[in-house]
C-alpha atoms as a PDB file:
ATOM      1  CA  UNK A   1      88.653  81.801  47.171  1.00  0.00           C
ATOM      2  CA  UNK A   2      87.565  78.433  48.523  1.00  0.00           C
ATOM      3  CA  UNK A   3      83.936  77.746  49.394  1.00  0.00           C
ATOM      4  CA  UNK A   4      83.269  75.365  52.257  1.00  0.00           C
ATOM      5  CA  UNK A   5      79.837  73.855  52.660  1.00  0.00           C
ATOM      6  CA  UNK A   6      78.370  72.172  55.712  1.00  0.00           C
ATOM      7  CA  UNK A   7      75.021  70.888  56.837  1.00  0.00           C
ATOM      8  CA  UNK A   8      72.732  73.387  58.513  1.00  0.00           C
ATOM      9  CA  UNK A   9      72.605  71.380  61.744  1.00  0.00           C
ATOM     10  CA  UNK A  10      76.402  71.196  61.945  1.00  0.00           C
ATOM     11  CA  UNK A  11      76.597  74.944  61.344  1.00  0.00           C
ATOM     12  CA  UNK A  12      74.041  75.635  64.094  1.00  0.00           C
ATOM     13  CA  UNK A  13      75.999  73.399  66.502  1.00  0.00           C
ATOM     14  CA  UNK A  14      79.185  75.263  65.657  1.00  0.00           C
ATOM     15  CA  UNK A  15      77.557  78.650  66.253  1.00  0.00           C
ATOM     16  CA  UNK A  16      76.088  77.441  69.576  1.00  0.00           C
ATOM     17  CA  UNK A  17      79.508  76.168  70.679  1.00  0.00           C
ATOM     18  CA  UNK A  18      81.135  79.472  69.837  1.00  0.00           C
ATOM     19  CA  UNK A  19      78.475  81.345  71.815  1.00  0.00           C
ATOM     20  CA  UNK A  20      79.044  79.081  74.849  1.00  0.00           C
ATOM     21  CA  UNK A  21      82.773  79.713  74.642  1.00  0.00           C
ATOM     22  CA  UNK A  22      82.172  83.447  74.377  1.00  0.00           C
ATOM     23  CA  UNK A  23      79.901  83.430  77.432  1.00  0.00           C
ATOM     24  CA  UNK A  24      82.430  81.407  79.407  1.00  0.00           C
ATOM     25  CA  UNK A  25      85.274  83.766  78.528  1.00  0.00           C
ATOM     26  CA  UNK A  26      83.200  86.838  79.345  1.00  0.00           C
ATOM     27  CA  UNK A  27      81.943  85.443  82.648  1.00  0.00           C
ATOM     28  CA  UNK A  28      85.358  84.326  83.875  1.00  0.00           C
ATOM     29  CA  UNK A  29      87.339  87.388  82.839  1.00  0.00           C
ATOM     30  CA  UNK A  30      84.929  90.261  83.423  1.00  0.00           C
ATOM     31  CA  UNK A  31      85.595  90.890  87.108  1.00  0.00           C
ATOM     32  CA  UNK A  32      88.540  88.610  87.718  1.00  0.00           C
ATOM     33  CA  UNK A  33      91.595  90.478  88.826  1.00  0.00           C
ATOM     34  CA  UNK A  34      94.318  88.195  90.078  1.00  0.00           C
ATOM     35  CA  UNK A  35      95.053  88.321  93.781  1.00  0.00           C
ATOM     36  CA  UNK A  36      98.277  90.089  94.751  1.00  0.00           C
ATOM     37  CA  UNK A  37     100.149  86.823  95.209  1.00  0.00           C
ATOM     38  CA  UNK A  38      99.659  86.115  91.509  1.00  0.00           C
ATOM     39  CA  UNK A  39     100.715  89.553  90.285  1.00  0.00           C
ATOM     40  CA  UNK A  40     104.391  89.783  89.343  1.00  0.00           C
ATOM     41  CA  UNK A  41     106.167  93.114  88.951  1.00  0.00           C
ATOM     42  CA  UNK A  42     109.558  94.127  87.585  1.00  0.00           C
ATOM     43  CA  UNK A  43     112.631  95.453  89.380  1.00  0.00           C
ATOM     44  CA  UNK A  44     111.949  99.064  88.443  1.00  0.00           C
ATOM     45  CA  UNK A  45     108.504  98.944  90.055  1.00  0.00           C
ATOM     46  CA  UNK A  46     109.876  97.252  93.195  1.00  0.00           C
ATOM     47  CA  UNK A  47     112.555  99.934  93.536  1.00  0.00           C
ATOM     48  CA  UNK A  48     109.936 102.639  93.114  1.00  0.00           C
ATOM     49  CA  UNK A  49     107.588 101.096  95.683  1.00  0.00           C
ATOM     50  CA  UNK A  50     110.333 100.543  98.261  1.00  0.00           C
ATOM     51  CA  UNK A  51     112.198 103.760  97.493  1.00  0.00           C
ATOM     52  CA  UNK A  52     115.478 101.900  96.987  1.00  0.00           C
ATOM     53  CA  UNK A  53     118.159 101.701  94.317  1.00  0.00           C
ATOM     54  CA  UNK A  54     118.804  98.835  91.912  1.00  0.00           C
ATOM     55  CA  UNK A  55     121.865  97.912  93.952  1.00  0.00           C
ATOM     56  CA  UNK A  56     119.861  97.763  97.197  1.00  0.00           C
ATOM     57  CA  UNK A  57     117.352  95.481  95.472  1.00  0.00           C
ATOM     58  CA  UNK A  58     120.222  93.285  94.311  1.00  0.00           C
ATOM     59  CA  UNK A  59     121.364  93.045  97.947  1.00  0.00           C
ATOM     60  CA  UNK A  60     117.819  92.057  98.993  1.00  0.00           C
ATOM     61  CA  UNK A  61     117.923  89.269  96.390  1.00  0.00           C
ATOM     62  CA  UNK A  62     121.417  88.133  97.417  1.00  0.00           C
ATOM     63  CA  UNK A  63     120.686  87.926 101.127  1.00  0.00           C
ATOM     64  CA  UNK A  64     117.253  86.335 100.670  1.00  0.00           C
ATOM     65  CA  UNK A  65     115.209  89.296 101.884  1.00  0.00           C
ATOM     66  CA  UNK A  66     113.025  89.091  98.777  1.00  0.00           C
ATOM     67  CA  UNK A  67     112.108  86.107  96.628  1.00  0.00           C
ATOM     68  CA  UNK A  68     112.150  86.485  92.873  1.00  0.00           C
ATOM     69  CA  UNK A  69     112.052  84.520  89.668  1.00  0.00           C
ATOM     70  CA  UNK A  70     113.862  84.941  86.399  1.00  0.00           C
ATOM     71  CA  UNK A  71     111.813  85.586  83.276  1.00  0.00           C
ATOM     72  CA  UNK A  72     114.409  85.446  80.571  1.00  0.00           C
ATOM     73  CA  UNK A  73     117.080  87.915  81.621  1.00  0.00           C
ATOM     74  CA  UNK A  74     114.765  89.886  83.909  1.00  0.00           C
ATOM     75  CA  UNK A  75     113.764  89.373  87.554  1.00  0.00           C
ATOM     76  CA  UNK A  76     110.125  89.439  88.637  1.00  0.00           C
ATOM     77  CA  UNK A  77     108.754  89.817  92.159  1.00  0.00           C
ATOM     78  CA  UNK A  78     105.394  88.997  93.748  1.00  0.00           C
ATOM     79  CA  UNK A  79     103.440  92.140  94.549  1.00  0.00           C
ATOM     80  CA  UNK A  80     102.218  90.553  97.799  1.00  0.00           C
ATOM     81  CA  UNK A  81     105.807  90.054  98.965  1.00  0.00           C
ATOM     82  CA  UNK A  82     106.747  93.656  98.160  1.00  0.00           C
ATOM     83  CA  UNK A  83     103.731  94.852 100.151  1.00  0.00           C
ATOM     84  CA  UNK A  84     104.813  92.617 103.009  1.00  0.00           C
ATOM     85  CA  UNK A  85     108.287  94.149 102.984  1.00  0.00           C
ATOM     86  CA  UNK A  86     106.758  97.619 103.081  1.00  0.00           C
ATOM     87  CA  UNK A  87     104.645  96.572 106.074  1.00  0.00           C
ATOM     88  CA  UNK A  88     107.807  95.270 107.788  1.00  0.00           C
ATOM     89  CA  UNK A  89     109.490  98.640 107.308  1.00  0.00           C
ATOM     90  CA  UNK A  90     111.875  97.712 104.521  1.00  0.00           C
ATOM     91  CA  UNK A  91     112.827 100.334 102.020  1.00  0.00           C
ATOM     92  CA  UNK A  92     114.662 103.564 102.635  1.00  0.00           C
ATOM     93  CA  UNK A  93     115.412 102.671 106.262  1.00  0.00           C
ATOM     94  CA  UNK A  94     117.204  99.327 105.560  1.00  0.00           C
END
């Protein structure tokens, strides 16, 4: 085991810095839920929400009905856009 020594003042400064960081993290993450436009969901969830098949979702992607992004080999969709499609009547009827 290695013993590290430091001056008391340096140690107190380090502890104070850590406490400030902790307070900042707690204050910024406690009640912060990202708005819908920042929430990305997977294809399975989109299909469930719209009541459509994987193939229908693929058609929506192909014809530009829904925007998406690739994360590795998977597609992700903005929750806000899926909600917008629901409001427009997309899903089982289209």
